[in-house]
Amino acid sequence: MQVHYLEIVTQEVDATCAAYERLHSVKFSEGDPGLGNARTATLANGGKIGVRAPMHESEEPVVRPYLLVEDIDAAIESAVSAGGEIALPPMEIPGYGRFAIYIQGGNHHGLWQM
């Protein structure tokens, strides 16, 4: 199991990035439009961490790990079979691959296929 993308949605994007930069000696990019204007930094495993503001007024702050999968359609089916509820079905982000979000136990879980 590998975290490919760790997403943090917060009202305090700059403060969150500054804290991680100081704590972990990393540098965050400017906002990436392909990732909802998330400011990103590279994880040790080659994945990314992204910090962004809510994209609409009903989006709540959340920390959402996206696990790398080989077949996102099969993975989301497995998550639903285990009791998960699809929050966002598999969709393409041009240049990044496909992702999906499901909710289980009140927590958001992401899946990512390259």
N, C-alpha and C. Protein backbone atom coordinates (compact mmCIF):
# COMPACT_ATOMS: atom_id res chain seq x y z
N MET A 1 0.85 -1.17 0.00
CA MET A 1 0.00 0.00 0.00
C MET A 1 0.90 1.24 0.00
N GLN A 2 0.59 2.17 -0.90
CA GLN A 2 1.41 3.37 -1.02
C GLN A 2 0.52 4.60 -1.12
N VAL A 3 0.79 5.59 -0.28
CA VAL A 3 0.09 6.87 -0.40
C VAL A 3 0.70 7.60 -1.58
N HIS A 4 -0.14 7.87 -2.57
CA HIS A 4 0.32 8.56 -3.78
C HIS A 4 0.12 10.07 -3.64
N TYR A 5 -1.00 10.45 -3.00
CA TYR A 5 -1.31 11.86 -2.84
C TYR A 5 -2.01 12.04 -1.50
N LEU A 6 -1.52 12.96 -0.70
CA LEU A 6 -2.14 13.29 0.58
C LEU A 6 -2.70 14.69 0.44
N GLU A 7 -4.03 14.80 0.52
CA GLU A 7 -4.71 16.07 0.30
C GLU A 7 -5.18 16.65 1.63
N ILE A 8 -4.86 17.91 1.84
CA ILE A 8 -5.32 18.63 3.02
C ILE A 8 -6.14 19.81 2.52
N VAL A 9 -7.40 19.85 2.92
CA VAL A 9 -8.29 20.96 2.57
C VAL A 9 -8.44 21.80 3.83
N THR A 10 -8.08 23.07 3.73
CA THR A 10 -8.07 23.95 4.90
C THR A 10 -8.34 25.40 4.49
N GLN A 11 -8.84 26.18 5.43
CA GLN A 11 -8.99 27.62 5.21
C GLN A 11 -7.65 28.34 5.38
N GLU A 12 -6.64 27.64 5.94
CA GLU A 12 -5.35 28.25 6.25
C GLU A 12 -4.23 27.62 5.43
N VAL A 13 -4.33 27.75 4.11
CA VAL A 13 -3.37 27.13 3.20
C VAL A 13 -1.95 27.62 3.47
N ASP A 14 -1.74 28.92 3.47
CA ASP A 14 -0.39 29.45 3.64
C ASP A 14 0.22 29.07 4.98
N ALA A 15 -0.56 29.15 6.05
CA ALA A 15 -0.06 28.80 7.38
C ALA A 15 0.28 27.31 7.46
N THR A 16 -0.56 26.47 6.86
CA THR A 16 -0.31 25.03 6.88
C THR A 16 0.96 24.71 6.10
N CYS A 17 1.11 25.30 4.91
CA CYS A 17 2.33 25.07 4.12
C CYS A 17 3.56 25.57 4.87
N ALA A 18 3.47 26.73 5.48
CA ALA A 18 4.61 27.29 6.23
C ALA A 18 5.02 26.36 7.38
N ALA A 19 4.03 25.81 8.08
CA ALA A 19 4.35 24.90 9.19
C ALA A 19 5.07 23.66 8.68
N TYR A 20 4.55 23.05 7.60
CA TYR A 20 5.20 21.86 7.06
C TYR A 20 6.58 22.18 6.51
N GLU A 21 6.73 23.34 5.89
CA GLU A 21 8.05 23.72 5.38
C GLU A 21 9.06 23.82 6.52
N ARG A 22 8.67 24.40 7.62
CA ARG A 22 9.58 24.53 8.77
C ARG A 22 9.84 23.20 9.45
N LEU A 23 8.78 22.41 9.62
CA LEU A 23 8.90 21.12 10.32
C LEU A 23 9.68 20.08 9.53
N HIS A 24 9.51 20.09 8.21
CA HIS A 24 10.04 18.99 7.40
C HIS A 24 11.04 19.42 6.33
N SER A 25 11.45 20.68 6.36
CA SER A 25 12.43 21.20 5.40
C SER A 25 12.05 20.89 3.95
N VAL A 26 10.81 21.18 3.60
CA VAL A 26 10.34 21.01 2.23
C VAL A 26 9.90 22.37 1.69
N LYS A 27 9.67 22.44 0.40
CA LYS A 27 9.21 23.66 -0.24
C LYS A 27 7.94 23.34 -1.02
N PHE A 28 6.89 24.11 -0.80
CA PHE A 28 5.63 23.93 -1.51
C PHE A 28 5.62 24.80 -2.76
N SER A 29 4.99 24.27 -3.81
CA SER A 29 4.85 24.99 -5.07
C SER A 29 3.77 26.05 -4.93
N GLU A 30 3.64 26.84 -5.98
CA GLU A 30 2.47 27.71 -6.10
C GLU A 30 1.28 26.80 -6.41
N GLY A 31 0.08 27.34 -6.41
CA GLY A 31 -1.12 26.54 -6.66
C GLY A 31 -1.11 25.85 -8.03
N ASP A 32 -1.53 24.60 -8.06
CA ASP A 32 -1.61 23.80 -9.29
C ASP A 32 -3.08 23.71 -9.70
N PRO A 33 -3.46 24.37 -10.81
CA PRO A 33 -4.86 24.35 -11.24
C PRO A 33 -5.42 22.94 -11.46
N GLY A 34 -4.58 22.00 -11.89
CA GLY A 34 -5.02 20.63 -12.12
C GLY A 34 -5.41 19.90 -10.86
N LEU A 35 -4.95 20.40 -9.71
CA LEU A 35 -5.24 19.78 -8.42
C LEU A 35 -6.03 20.73 -7.53
N GLY A 36 -6.93 21.50 -8.13
CA GLY A 36 -7.78 22.41 -7.35
C GLY A 36 -7.01 23.56 -6.74
N ASN A 37 -5.94 23.97 -7.40
CA ASN A 37 -5.04 25.03 -6.92
C ASN A 37 -4.29 24.66 -5.64
N ALA A 38 -4.11 23.36 -5.44
CA ALA A 38 -3.34 22.90 -4.28
C ALA A 38 -1.89 23.31 -4.43
N ARG A 39 -1.30 23.74 -3.34
CA ARG A 39 0.15 23.93 -3.27
C ARG A 39 0.72 22.57 -2.91
N THR A 40 1.72 22.08 -3.66
CA THR A 40 2.20 20.71 -3.46
C THR A 40 3.68 20.66 -3.09
N ALA A 41 4.03 19.57 -2.43
CA ALA A 41 5.42 19.23 -2.12
C ALA A 41 5.56 17.72 -2.34
N THR A 42 6.77 17.28 -2.62
CA THR A 42 7.02 15.86 -2.89
C THR A 42 7.24 15.08 -1.60
N LEU A 43 6.58 13.90 -1.52
CA LEU A 43 6.76 12.99 -0.38
C LEU A 43 8.00 12.13 -0.62
N ALA A 44 8.53 11.55 0.42
CA ALA A 44 9.73 10.73 0.32
C ALA A 44 9.54 9.54 -0.63
N ASN A 45 8.31 9.02 -0.76
CA ASN A 45 8.05 7.87 -1.62
C ASN A 45 7.82 8.27 -3.08
N GLY A 46 7.94 9.58 -3.39
CA GLY A 46 7.73 10.06 -4.74
C GLY A 46 6.33 10.59 -4.98
N GLY A 47 5.43 10.36 -4.03
CA GLY A 47 4.08 10.91 -4.14
C GLY A 47 4.10 12.39 -3.81
N LYS A 48 2.92 12.95 -3.60
CA LYS A 48 2.81 14.39 -3.30
C LYS A 48 1.87 14.62 -2.13
N ILE A 49 2.09 15.73 -1.46
CA ILE A 49 1.15 16.26 -0.48
C ILE A 49 0.63 17.56 -1.07
N GLY A 50 -0.67 17.76 -1.03
CA GLY A 50 -1.28 18.96 -1.56
C GLY A 50 -2.12 19.66 -0.50
N VAL A 51 -1.97 20.95 -0.40
CA VAL A 51 -2.74 21.75 0.56
C VAL A 51 -3.53 22.77 -0.26
N ARG A 52 -4.86 22.74 -0.09
CA ARG A 52 -5.69 23.65 -0.86
C ARG A 52 -6.85 24.16 -0.02
N ALA A 53 -7.45 25.24 -0.49
CA ALA A 53 -8.64 25.80 0.13
C ALA A 53 -9.86 25.02 -0.35
N PRO A 54 -10.97 25.08 0.39
CA PRO A 54 -12.19 24.44 -0.10
C PRO A 54 -12.56 24.99 -1.48
N MET A 55 -13.09 24.11 -2.33
CA MET A 55 -13.44 24.50 -3.69
C MET A 55 -14.86 25.05 -3.80
N HIS A 56 -15.66 24.88 -2.77
CA HIS A 56 -17.01 25.44 -2.72
C HIS A 56 -17.38 25.61 -1.26
N GLU A 57 -18.39 26.41 -0.97
CA GLU A 57 -18.67 26.79 0.42
C GLU A 57 -19.15 25.63 1.29
N SER A 58 -19.63 24.54 0.70
CA SER A 58 -20.06 23.42 1.53
C SER A 58 -18.95 22.39 1.77
N GLU A 59 -17.77 22.60 1.15
CA GLU A 59 -16.66 21.66 1.37
C GLU A 59 -16.02 21.92 2.72
N GLU A 60 -15.96 20.90 3.53
CA GLU A 60 -15.41 20.99 4.88
C GLU A 60 -13.91 20.70 4.86
N PRO A 61 -13.18 21.18 5.87
CA PRO A 61 -11.77 20.79 5.99
C PRO A 61 -11.66 19.27 6.14
N VAL A 62 -10.65 18.71 5.50
CA VAL A 62 -10.47 17.26 5.52
C VAL A 62 -9.01 16.94 5.21
N VAL A 63 -8.55 15.81 5.73
CA VAL A 63 -7.26 15.23 5.33
C VAL A 63 -7.61 13.90 4.66
N ARG A 64 -7.23 13.78 3.39
CA ARG A 64 -7.65 12.63 2.59
C ARG A 64 -6.46 11.97 1.91
N PRO A 65 -6.09 10.75 2.35
CA PRO A 65 -5.02 10.04 1.65
C PRO A 65 -5.57 9.35 0.41
N TYR A 66 -4.83 9.42 -0.68
CA TYR A 66 -5.17 8.70 -1.91
C TYR A 66 -4.15 7.57 -2.06
N LEU A 67 -4.64 6.34 -2.02
CA LEU A 67 -3.76 5.19 -2.16
C LEU A 67 -3.65 4.81 -3.62
N LEU A 68 -2.45 4.47 -4.03
CA LEU A 68 -2.18 4.07 -5.40
C LEU A 68 -2.77 2.68 -5.65
N VAL A 69 -3.53 2.53 -6.74
CA VAL A 69 -4.11 1.24 -7.13
C VAL A 69 -3.82 0.99 -8.60
N GLU A 70 -3.84 -0.29 -8.98
CA GLU A 70 -3.59 -0.63 -10.38
C GLU A 70 -4.84 -0.51 -11.23
N ASP A 71 -6.01 -0.81 -10.65
CA ASP A 71 -7.27 -0.78 -11.38
C ASP A 71 -8.30 -0.06 -10.52
N ILE A 72 -8.54 1.20 -10.81
CA ILE A 72 -9.41 2.03 -9.96
C ILE A 72 -10.85 1.55 -9.98
N ASP A 73 -11.32 1.02 -11.11
CA ASP A 73 -12.70 0.54 -11.17
C ASP A 73 -12.89 -0.67 -10.26
N ALA A 74 -11.95 -1.61 -10.30
CA ALA A 74 -12.02 -2.78 -9.41
C ALA A 74 -11.86 -2.36 -7.95
N ALA A 75 -10.98 -1.39 -7.70
CA ALA A 75 -10.74 -0.95 -6.32
C ALA A 75 -11.98 -0.28 -5.72
N ILE A 76 -12.66 0.56 -6.50
CA ILE A 76 -13.85 1.23 -5.97
C ILE A 76 -14.96 0.21 -5.77
N GLU A 77 -15.06 -0.80 -6.63
CA GLU A 77 -16.04 -1.88 -6.42
C GLU A 77 -15.75 -2.61 -5.12
N SER A 78 -14.48 -2.89 -4.85
CA SER A 78 -14.11 -3.57 -3.61
C SER A 78 -14.46 -2.72 -2.39
N ALA A 79 -14.21 -1.41 -2.48
CA ALA A 79 -14.53 -0.51 -1.37
C ALA A 79 -16.04 -0.51 -1.09
N VAL A 80 -16.85 -0.47 -2.15
CA VAL A 80 -18.30 -0.49 -1.99
C VAL A 80 -18.75 -1.83 -1.41
N SER A 81 -18.15 -2.93 -1.88
CA SER A 81 -18.49 -4.26 -1.36
C SER A 81 -18.19 -4.38 0.13
N ALA A 82 -17.20 -3.60 0.59
CA ALA A 82 -16.82 -3.63 2.00
C ALA A 82 -17.61 -2.60 2.83
N GLY A 83 -18.62 -1.98 2.21
CA GLY A 83 -19.47 -1.05 2.95
C GLY A 83 -19.20 0.41 2.70
N GLY A 84 -18.26 0.74 1.82
CA GLY A 84 -17.97 2.14 1.51
C GLY A 84 -19.05 2.76 0.64
N GLU A 85 -19.16 4.06 0.71
CA GLU A 85 -20.12 4.82 -0.10
C GLU A 85 -19.34 5.72 -1.05
N ILE A 86 -19.62 5.64 -2.33
CA ILE A 86 -18.91 6.45 -3.31
C ILE A 86 -19.28 7.92 -3.13
N ALA A 87 -18.27 8.75 -2.91
CA ALA A 87 -18.47 10.20 -2.83
C ALA A 87 -18.19 10.84 -4.19
N LEU A 88 -17.24 10.30 -4.91
CA LEU A 88 -16.89 10.78 -6.25
C LEU A 88 -16.42 9.57 -7.06
N PRO A 89 -17.15 9.21 -8.11
CA PRO A 89 -16.74 8.04 -8.90
C PRO A 89 -15.44 8.31 -9.65
N PRO A 90 -14.81 7.25 -10.16
CA PRO A 90 -13.56 7.43 -10.88
C PRO A 90 -13.68 8.49 -11.98
N MET A 91 -12.72 9.40 -11.98
CA MET A 91 -12.68 10.43 -13.03
C MET A 91 -11.23 10.77 -13.34
N GLU A 92 -11.02 11.31 -14.52
CA GLU A 92 -9.68 11.63 -15.03
C GLU A 92 -9.29 13.05 -14.65
N ILE A 93 -8.04 13.20 -14.24
CA ILE A 93 -7.42 14.52 -14.13
C ILE A 93 -6.33 14.52 -15.20
N PRO A 94 -6.52 15.26 -16.28
CA PRO A 94 -5.55 15.23 -17.38
C PRO A 94 -4.11 15.47 -16.88
N GLY A 95 -3.24 14.54 -17.27
CA GLY A 95 -1.84 14.63 -16.89
C GLY A 95 -1.50 14.00 -15.55
N TYR A 96 -2.51 13.57 -14.78
CA TYR A 96 -2.27 13.02 -13.45
C TYR A 96 -2.79 11.60 -13.27
N GLY A 97 -3.74 11.17 -14.07
CA GLY A 97 -4.33 9.84 -13.93
C GLY A 97 -5.78 9.93 -13.51
N ARG A 98 -6.30 8.84 -12.93
CA ARG A 98 -7.70 8.77 -12.51
C ARG A 98 -7.75 8.67 -10.99
N PHE A 99 -8.79 9.27 -10.42
CA PHE A 99 -8.96 9.20 -8.97
C PHE A 99 -10.43 9.00 -8.64
N ALA A 100 -10.69 8.56 -7.42
CA ALA A 100 -12.04 8.39 -6.89
C ALA A 100 -11.99 8.61 -5.39
N ILE A 101 -13.14 8.93 -4.81
CA ILE A 101 -13.24 9.12 -3.36
C ILE A 101 -14.42 8.30 -2.85
N TYR A 102 -14.20 7.60 -1.73
CA TYR A 102 -15.30 6.94 -1.06
C TYR A 102 -15.24 7.27 0.42
N ILE A 103 -16.38 7.10 1.08
CA ILE A 103 -16.48 7.39 2.51
C ILE A 103 -16.80 6.08 3.23
N GLN A 104 -16.06 5.84 4.28
CA GLN A 104 -16.31 4.65 5.11
C GLN A 104 -15.98 5.01 6.55
N GLY A 105 -16.88 4.70 7.45
CA GLY A 105 -16.66 4.99 8.86
C GLY A 105 -16.56 6.48 9.14
N GLY A 106 -17.17 7.31 8.30
CA GLY A 106 -17.11 8.75 8.47
C GLY A 106 -15.84 9.39 7.94
N ASN A 107 -14.92 8.59 7.42
CA ASN A 107 -13.66 9.10 6.89
C ASN A 107 -13.65 9.06 5.37
N HIS A 108 -12.98 10.05 4.77
CA HIS A 108 -12.79 10.09 3.33
C HIS A 108 -11.55 9.28 2.97
N HIS A 109 -11.68 8.48 1.90
CA HIS A 109 -10.57 7.68 1.40
C HIS A 109 -10.47 7.93 -0.09
N GLY A 110 -9.28 8.12 -0.59
CA GLY A 110 -9.07 8.33 -2.02
C GLY A 110 -8.33 7.17 -2.64
N LEU A 111 -8.61 6.96 -3.91
CA LEU A 111 -7.92 5.96 -4.72
C LEU A 111 -7.34 6.68 -5.92
N TRP A 112 -6.16 6.27 -6.37
CA TRP A 112 -5.50 6.93 -7.49
C TRP A 112 -4.87 5.89 -8.40
N GLN A 113 -5.15 5.99 -9.69
CA GLN A 113 -4.54 5.11 -10.69
C GLN A 113 -3.75 5.97 -11.65
N MET A 114 -2.49 5.62 -11.85
CA MET A 114 -1.64 6.36 -12.77
C MET A 114 -1.88 5.94 -14.20
